[in-house]
């Protein structure tokens, strides 16, 4: 009897951590339940249709908000997947846990919007103005952020894997532990960005401006840093990076391996090719051979001249 009770107690104790840990797996699933969702799928609010009193948790899949003023609106947990929101004003809106996947946000105003845990995978955010936007732990993987203005944005722990940030402005952004793996940042401005322990693996960082950036623990392995400007960048580690950066601080770790373009290698003059020699044999310079031959010729000329000078002249009575 005691043995059966002990076995039951052990079984209960082993199952307890599973029961306790289960809620943590869904800790960031969002605040909305299916019963809370108003069905507004495909609704068009761009032609003056009155907005509902609450958009919180609403299902707005495929809805149209082009040019609509959503300033300070509460969109917490709403589904805006594939929605059209071109030129929409989302300034200071609360968009925590919002599903923006594949949404069209071109030219929208996201200034000071709260987008904690928002899902923007594959969203089109070309030319958005997002000064001081908050995207902590948001997922922007594969999003198009070409020419986006993200000055002073909060990207703490955000995912931007494969995102297009060409010519984007991220001055003074907070990007602690943000993931920019394989992101395209060609000609982007990351001036004074705070990026400790951020990941830039295999990212396109050509001509990026990292002036005064905080890079403590940031990883750039495999990234192309050709012509990237690291003036006054702190705690920079270029280990494993490719290309030739500019203005690298003297205390930077690692080095960038130059990667000449295929066209540059193809057009290299033959005169710059190293001389071919037998394996293990010395390399003989053509210039050195010419110098030696010239010296020998000069010595022969001097010897003949000396011999002629010592020859006696013809006898005269």
Protein backbone atom coordinates (compact mmCIF):
# COMPACT_ATOMS: atom_id res chain seq x y z
CA UNK A 1 0.00 0.00 0.00
CA UNK A 2 2.77 2.41 0.97
CA UNK A 3 4.67 1.50 -2.19
CA UNK A 4 1.66 2.33 -4.39
CA UNK A 5 1.20 5.67 -2.62
CA UNK A 6 4.91 6.52 -3.16
CA UNK A 7 4.69 5.65 -6.84
CA UNK A 8 1.60 7.80 -7.23
CA UNK A 9 3.33 10.70 -5.46
CA UNK A 10 6.41 10.45 -7.68
CA UNK A 11 4.22 10.35 -10.79
CA UNK A 12 2.35 13.44 -9.63
CA UNK A 13 5.59 15.33 -8.91
CA UNK A 14 7.00 14.44 -12.36
CA UNK A 15 3.85 15.70 -14.06
CA UNK A 16 3.76 18.93 -12.05
CA UNK A 17 6.50 20.81 -14.03
CA UNK A 18 4.69 19.98 -17.26
CA UNK A 19 1.46 21.46 -15.96
CA UNK A 20 3.21 24.56 -14.62
CA UNK A 21 5.34 25.11 -17.74
CA UNK A 22 2.52 24.66 -20.23
CA UNK A 23 1.16 28.25 -19.99
CA UNK A 24 4.60 29.72 -20.75
CA UNK A 25 4.53 28.21 -24.25
CA UNK A 26 1.61 30.51 -25.06
CA UNK A 27 2.68 33.48 -22.93
CA UNK A 28 2.89 35.73 -26.00
CA UNK A 29 -0.08 34.38 -27.92
CA UNK A 30 -1.96 37.65 -27.45
CA UNK A 31 -4.83 38.87 -25.31
CA UNK A 32 -7.73 37.94 -27.65
CA UNK A 33 -10.03 34.96 -27.72
CA UNK A 34 -11.99 33.81 -30.74
CA UNK A 35 -15.22 34.91 -29.08
CA UNK A 36 -13.85 38.46 -28.75
CA UNK A 37 -13.34 38.97 -32.48
CA UNK A 38 -15.77 41.12 -34.43
CA UNK A 39 -16.01 39.88 -38.02
CA UNK A 40 -15.03 42.82 -40.26
CA UNK A 41 -13.20 40.82 -42.90
CA UNK A 42 -12.88 42.68 -46.20
CA UNK A 43 -14.54 45.86 -44.88
CA UNK A 44 -13.71 49.06 -46.80
CA UNK A 45 -13.24 52.13 -44.57
CA UNK A 46 -11.45 54.21 -47.21
CA UNK A 47 -14.65 55.78 -48.60
CA UNK A 48 -15.98 57.39 -45.47
CA UNK A 49 -17.47 54.34 -43.79
CA UNK A 50 -17.75 54.97 -40.07
CA UNK A 51 -15.29 53.08 -37.91
CA UNK A 52 -16.71 50.78 -35.24
CA UNK A 53 -16.48 51.93 -31.65
CA UNK A 54 -13.75 49.35 -31.00
CA UNK A 55 -11.19 47.70 -33.28
CA UNK A 56 -9.59 45.76 -30.47
CA UNK A 57 -9.31 42.05 -31.36
CA UNK A 58 -11.34 42.61 -34.56
CA UNK A 59 -10.86 40.34 -37.56
CA UNK A 60 -10.01 42.83 -40.33
CA UNK A 61 -8.41 40.40 -42.76
CA UNK A 62 -8.25 42.00 -46.21
CA UNK A 63 -9.87 45.23 -44.97
CA UNK A 64 -9.12 48.59 -46.64
CA UNK A 65 -7.93 51.58 -44.60
CA UNK A 66 -6.15 53.61 -47.30
CA UNK A 67 -5.71 57.19 -46.07
CA UNK A 68 -7.80 56.57 -42.93
CA UNK A 69 -6.91 58.34 -39.66
CA UNK A 70 -6.32 55.73 -36.96
CA UNK A 71 -4.37 58.03 -34.66
CA UNK A 72 -4.29 56.72 -31.09
CA UNK A 73 -6.74 53.90 -31.93
CA UNK A 74 -6.57 50.69 -29.92
CA UNK A 75 -5.91 47.84 -32.36
CA UNK A 76 -4.58 45.41 -29.77
CA UNK A 77 -4.73 41.84 -31.05
CA UNK A 78 -6.53 42.76 -34.28
CA UNK A 79 -6.03 40.69 -37.42
CA UNK A 80 -5.04 42.94 -40.33
CA UNK A 81 -3.54 40.24 -42.51
CA UNK A 82 -3.34 41.31 -46.19
CA UNK A 83 -5.10 44.58 -45.30
CA UNK A 84 -4.58 47.66 -47.48
CA UNK A 85 -3.34 50.54 -45.30
CA UNK A 86 -1.55 52.81 -47.75
CA UNK A 87 -1.01 56.32 -46.39
CA UNK A 88 -2.88 55.31 -43.21
CA UNK A 89 -2.15 57.39 -40.10
CA UNK A 90 -1.30 55.05 -37.23
CA UNK A 91 0.46 57.68 -35.13
CA UNK A 92 0.49 56.73 -31.43
CA UNK A 93 -1.86 53.81 -32.14
CA UNK A 94 -1.73 50.76 -29.86
CA UNK A 95 -0.99 47.83 -32.17
CA UNK A 96 0.35 45.26 -29.73
CA UNK A 97 0.03 41.65 -30.91
CA UNK A 98 -1.51 42.83 -34.22
CA UNK A 99 -1.24 40.46 -37.19
CA UNK A 100 0.00 42.64 -40.09
CA UNK A 101 1.26 39.74 -42.19
CA UNK A 102 1.39 40.61 -45.92
CA UNK A 103 -0.36 43.93 -45.21
CA UNK A 104 0.24 46.89 -47.55
CA UNK A 105 1.45 49.81 -45.38
CA UNK A 106 3.29 51.80 -48.06
CA UNK A 107 3.71 55.42 -47.05
CA UNK A 108 1.86 54.95 -43.76
CA UNK A 109 2.63 57.03 -40.67
CA UNK A 110 3.67 54.78 -37.78
CA UNK A 111 5.16 57.53 -35.62
CA UNK A 112 5.21 56.49 -31.93
CA UNK A 113 3.01 53.48 -32.65
CA UNK A 114 3.18 50.72 -30.02
CA UNK A 115 3.73 47.49 -31.95
CA UNK A 116 5.05 45.18 -29.23
CA UNK A 117 4.93 41.53 -30.38
CA UNK A 118 3.34 42.59 -33.70
CA UNK A 119 3.68 40.19 -36.62
CA UNK A 120 4.71 42.01 -39.81
CA UNK A 121 6.20 39.12 -41.74
CA UNK A 122 6.12 39.89 -45.45
CA UNK A 123 4.43 43.27 -44.91
CA UNK A 124 5.12 46.14 -47.33
CA UNK A 125 6.38 49.15 -45.36
CA UNK A 126 8.17 50.97 -48.17
CA UNK A 127 8.55 54.71 -47.46
CA UNK A 128 6.86 54.52 -44.04
CA UNK A 129 7.52 57.24 -41.49
CA UNK A 130 8.06 55.48 -38.17
CA UNK A 131 9.84 57.90 -35.86
CA UNK A 132 10.05 56.46 -32.33
CA UNK A 133 7.92 53.44 -33.31
CA UNK A 134 8.01 50.64 -30.75
CA UNK A 135 8.62 47.16 -32.17
CA UNK A 136 10.10 45.22 -29.22
CA UNK A 137 9.93 41.48 -29.92
CA UNK A 138 8.06 42.18 -33.16
CA UNK A 139 8.61 39.93 -36.17
CA UNK A 140 9.47 41.85 -39.36
CA UNK A 141 11.16 38.95 -41.14
CA UNK A 142 10.89 39.32 -44.91
CA UNK A 143 9.24 42.74 -44.59
CA UNK A 144 9.96 45.46 -47.16
CA UNK A 145 11.27 48.55 -45.39
CA UNK A 146 12.99 50.27 -48.32
CA UNK A 147 13.59 53.95 -47.54
CA UNK A 148 11.70 53.57 -44.25
CA UNK A 149 12.43 56.20 -41.61
CA UNK A 150 12.91 54.44 -38.26
CA UNK A 151 14.72 57.13 -36.31
CA UNK A 152 14.85 56.34 -32.57
CA UNK A 153 12.79 53.18 -33.16
CA UNK A 154 12.74 50.48 -30.48
CA UNK A 155 13.71 47.19 -32.17
CA UNK A 156 14.78 45.40 -29.01
CA UNK A 157 14.75 41.63 -29.62
CA UNK A 158 12.93 42.20 -32.92
CA UNK A 159 13.34 39.75 -35.82
CA UNK A 160 14.24 41.27 -39.19
CA UNK A 161 15.56 38.11 -40.86
CA UNK A 162 15.80 38.68 -44.62
CA UNK A 163 14.10 42.08 -44.34
CA UNK A 164 14.71 44.71 -47.06
CA UNK A 165 16.07 47.84 -45.38
CA UNK A 166 17.87 49.32 -48.38
CA UNK A 167 18.40 53.07 -47.89
CA UNK A 168 16.47 52.95 -44.58
CA UNK A 169 17.19 55.40 -41.77
CA UNK A 170 17.67 53.87 -38.32
CA UNK A 171 19.55 56.66 -36.59
CA UNK A 172 19.63 56.32 -32.78
CA UNK A 173 17.47 53.19 -32.95
CA UNK A 174 17.59 50.70 -30.08
CA UNK A 175 18.31 47.26 -31.52
CA UNK A 176 19.62 45.23 -28.59
CA UNK A 177 19.71 41.55 -29.61
CA UNK A 178 17.78 42.33 -32.80
CA UNK A 179 18.20 39.74 -35.55
CA UNK A 180 19.22 41.22 -38.95
CA UNK A 181 20.39 37.88 -40.37
CA UNK A 182 20.51 38.01 -44.20
CA UNK A 183 18.85 41.44 -44.16
CA UNK A 184 19.52 43.86 -47.00
CA UNK A 185 20.81 47.15 -45.58
CA UNK A 186 22.69 48.52 -48.59
CA UNK A 187 23.27 52.29 -48.09
CA UNK A 188 21.21 52.33 -44.89
CA UNK A 189 22.01 54.77 -42.09
CA UNK A 190 22.57 53.23 -38.67
CA UNK A 191 24.21 56.28 -37.13
CA UNK A 192 24.43 56.06 -33.31
CA UNK A 193 22.38 52.86 -33.32
CA UNK A 194 22.48 50.85 -30.10
CA UNK A 195 22.99 47.29 -31.30
CA UNK A 196 24.65 45.29 -28.50
CA UNK A 197 24.58 41.56 -29.25
CA UNK A 198 22.61 42.15 -32.46
CA UNK A 199 22.99 39.62 -35.28
CA UNK A 200 24.08 40.76 -38.75
CA UNK A 201 25.07 37.33 -40.06
CA UNK A 202 25.32 37.19 -43.86
CA UNK A 203 23.66 40.61 -44.11
CA UNK A 204 24.29 43.05 -46.96
CA UNK A 205 25.95 45.97 -45.17
CA UNK A 206 27.59 47.61 -48.17
CA UNK A 207 27.99 51.38 -47.74
CA UNK A 208 26.07 51.33 -44.46
CA UNK A 209 26.88 54.19 -42.09
CA UNK A 210 27.65 52.82 -38.62
CA UNK A 211 29.10 56.08 -37.32
CA UNK A 212 29.17 56.17 -33.49
CA UNK A 213 27.26 52.87 -33.36
CA UNK A 214 27.32 50.77 -30.18
CA UNK A 215 28.32 47.29 -31.40
CA UNK A 216 29.29 45.45 -28.21
CA UNK A 217 28.85 41.74 -28.87
CA UNK A 218 27.26 42.30 -32.31
CA UNK A 219 28.02 39.48 -34.77
CA UNK A 220 28.90 40.29 -38.39
CA UNK A 221 30.15 36.88 -39.55
CA UNK A 222 29.54 36.44 -43.28
CA UNK A 223 28.25 40.00 -43.70
CA UNK A 224 29.41 42.07 -46.68
CA UNK A 225 30.81 45.28 -45.16
CA UNK A 226 32.41 46.69 -48.33
CA UNK A 227 32.66 50.50 -48.01
CA UNK A 228 30.67 50.45 -44.76
CA UNK A 229 31.66 53.43 -42.58
CA UNK A 230 32.51 52.55 -38.95
CA UNK A 231 33.72 55.98 -37.80
CA UNK A 232 33.83 56.03 -33.97
CA UNK A 233 31.95 52.71 -33.74
CA UNK A 234 32.37 51.18 -30.26
CA UNK A 235 33.37 47.59 -29.49
CA UNK A 236 33.39 46.57 -33.15
CA UNK A 237 34.16 42.96 -34.06
CA UNK A 238 34.57 42.25 -37.78
CA UNK A 239 35.57 38.62 -37.38
CA UNK A 240 34.34 36.67 -40.39
CA UNK A 241 33.03 39.74 -42.25
CA UNK A 242 33.73 40.18 -45.98
CA UNK A 243 34.75 43.22 -47.99
CA UNK A 244 36.78 46.32 -47.18
CA UNK A 245 35.14 48.75 -44.74
CA UNK A 246 36.12 52.35 -44.13
CA UNK A 247 37.27 54.23 -41.02
CA UNK A 248 37.58 51.11 -38.88
CA UNK A 249 38.58 52.04 -35.29
CA UNK A 250 42.04 50.94 -34.18
CA UNK A 251 40.59 48.85 -31.35
CA UNK A 252 38.25 46.86 -33.63
CA UNK A 253 38.55 43.09 -33.42
CA UNK A 254 38.87 40.71 -36.34
CA UNK A 255 39.30 41.87 -39.88
CA UNK A 256 37.34 42.08 -43.12
CA UNK A 257 38.65 39.91 -45.94
CA UNK A 258 38.58 41.82 -49.27
CA UNK A 259 36.35 40.23 -51.91
CA UNK A 260 37.22 41.54 -55.39
CA UNK A 261 34.39 41.39 -57.86
CA UNK A 262 34.52 38.77 -60.67
CA UNK A 263 34.86 41.55 -63.25
CA UNK A 264 37.86 42.99 -61.42
CA UNK A 265 39.54 39.59 -61.38
CA UNK A 266 38.81 39.04 -65.08
CA UNK A 267 40.19 42.45 -66.10
CA UNK A 268 43.40 42.19 -64.10
CA UNK A 269 46.40 42.87 -66.42
CA UNK A 270 48.72 39.96 -67.08
CA UNK A 271 51.65 42.07 -65.84
CA UNK A 272 50.24 41.79 -62.32
CA UNK A 273 50.04 38.03 -62.38
CA UNK A 274 52.67 36.42 -60.16
CA UNK A 275 55.46 34.62 -62.07
CA UNK A 276 55.04 30.89 -62.35
CA UNK A 277 57.91 28.89 -60.87
CA UNK A 278 58.53 25.24 -60.19
CA UNK A 279 57.20 24.07 -56.85
CA UNK A 280 59.65 25.03 -54.14
CA UNK A 281 61.92 26.97 -56.55
CA UNK A 282 63.03 30.58 -56.05
CA UNK A 283 61.23 33.41 -57.82
CA UNK A 284 63.65 35.19 -60.20
CA UNK A 285 62.76 38.75 -61.10
CA UNK A 286 63.15 39.82 -64.75
CA UNK A 287 64.47 43.19 -63.61
CA UNK A 288 67.21 41.50 -61.58
CA UNK A 289 68.31 39.47 -64.63
CA UNK A 290 68.57 42.63 -66.74
CA UNK A 291 70.67 44.35 -64.07
CA UNK A 292 73.08 41.39 -63.87
CA UNK A 293 73.45 41.18 -67.68
CA UNK A 294 74.04 44.93 -67.91
CA UNK A 295 76.70 44.78 -65.18
CA UNK A 296 78.54 41.94 -66.94
CA UNK A 297 78.54 43.88 -70.21
CA UNK A 298 80.00 46.93 -68.47
CA UNK A 299 82.77 44.83 -66.89
CA UNK A 300 83.71 43.33 -70.29
CA UNK A 301 83.86 46.81 -71.85
CA UNK A 302 86.13 48.12 -69.07
CA UNK A 303 88.46 45.10 -69.40
CA UNK A 304 88.87 45.62 -73.15
CA UNK A 305 89.54 49.33 -72.65
CA UNK A 306 92.27 48.61 -70.04
CA UNK A 307 93.97 46.06 -72.30
CA UNK A 308 94.05 48.53 -75.17
CA UNK A 309 95.57 51.21 -72.95
CA UNK A 310 98.49 48.96 -71.94
CA UNK A 311 99.40 47.96 -75.57
CA UNK A 312 102.76 49.65 -76.64
CA UNK A 313 102.72 52.07 -79.59
CA UNK A 314 104.63 51.49 -82.92
CA UNK A 315 108.50 51.77 -82.83
CA UNK A 316 110.04 54.84 -84.43
CA UNK A 317 113.85 55.28 -85.23
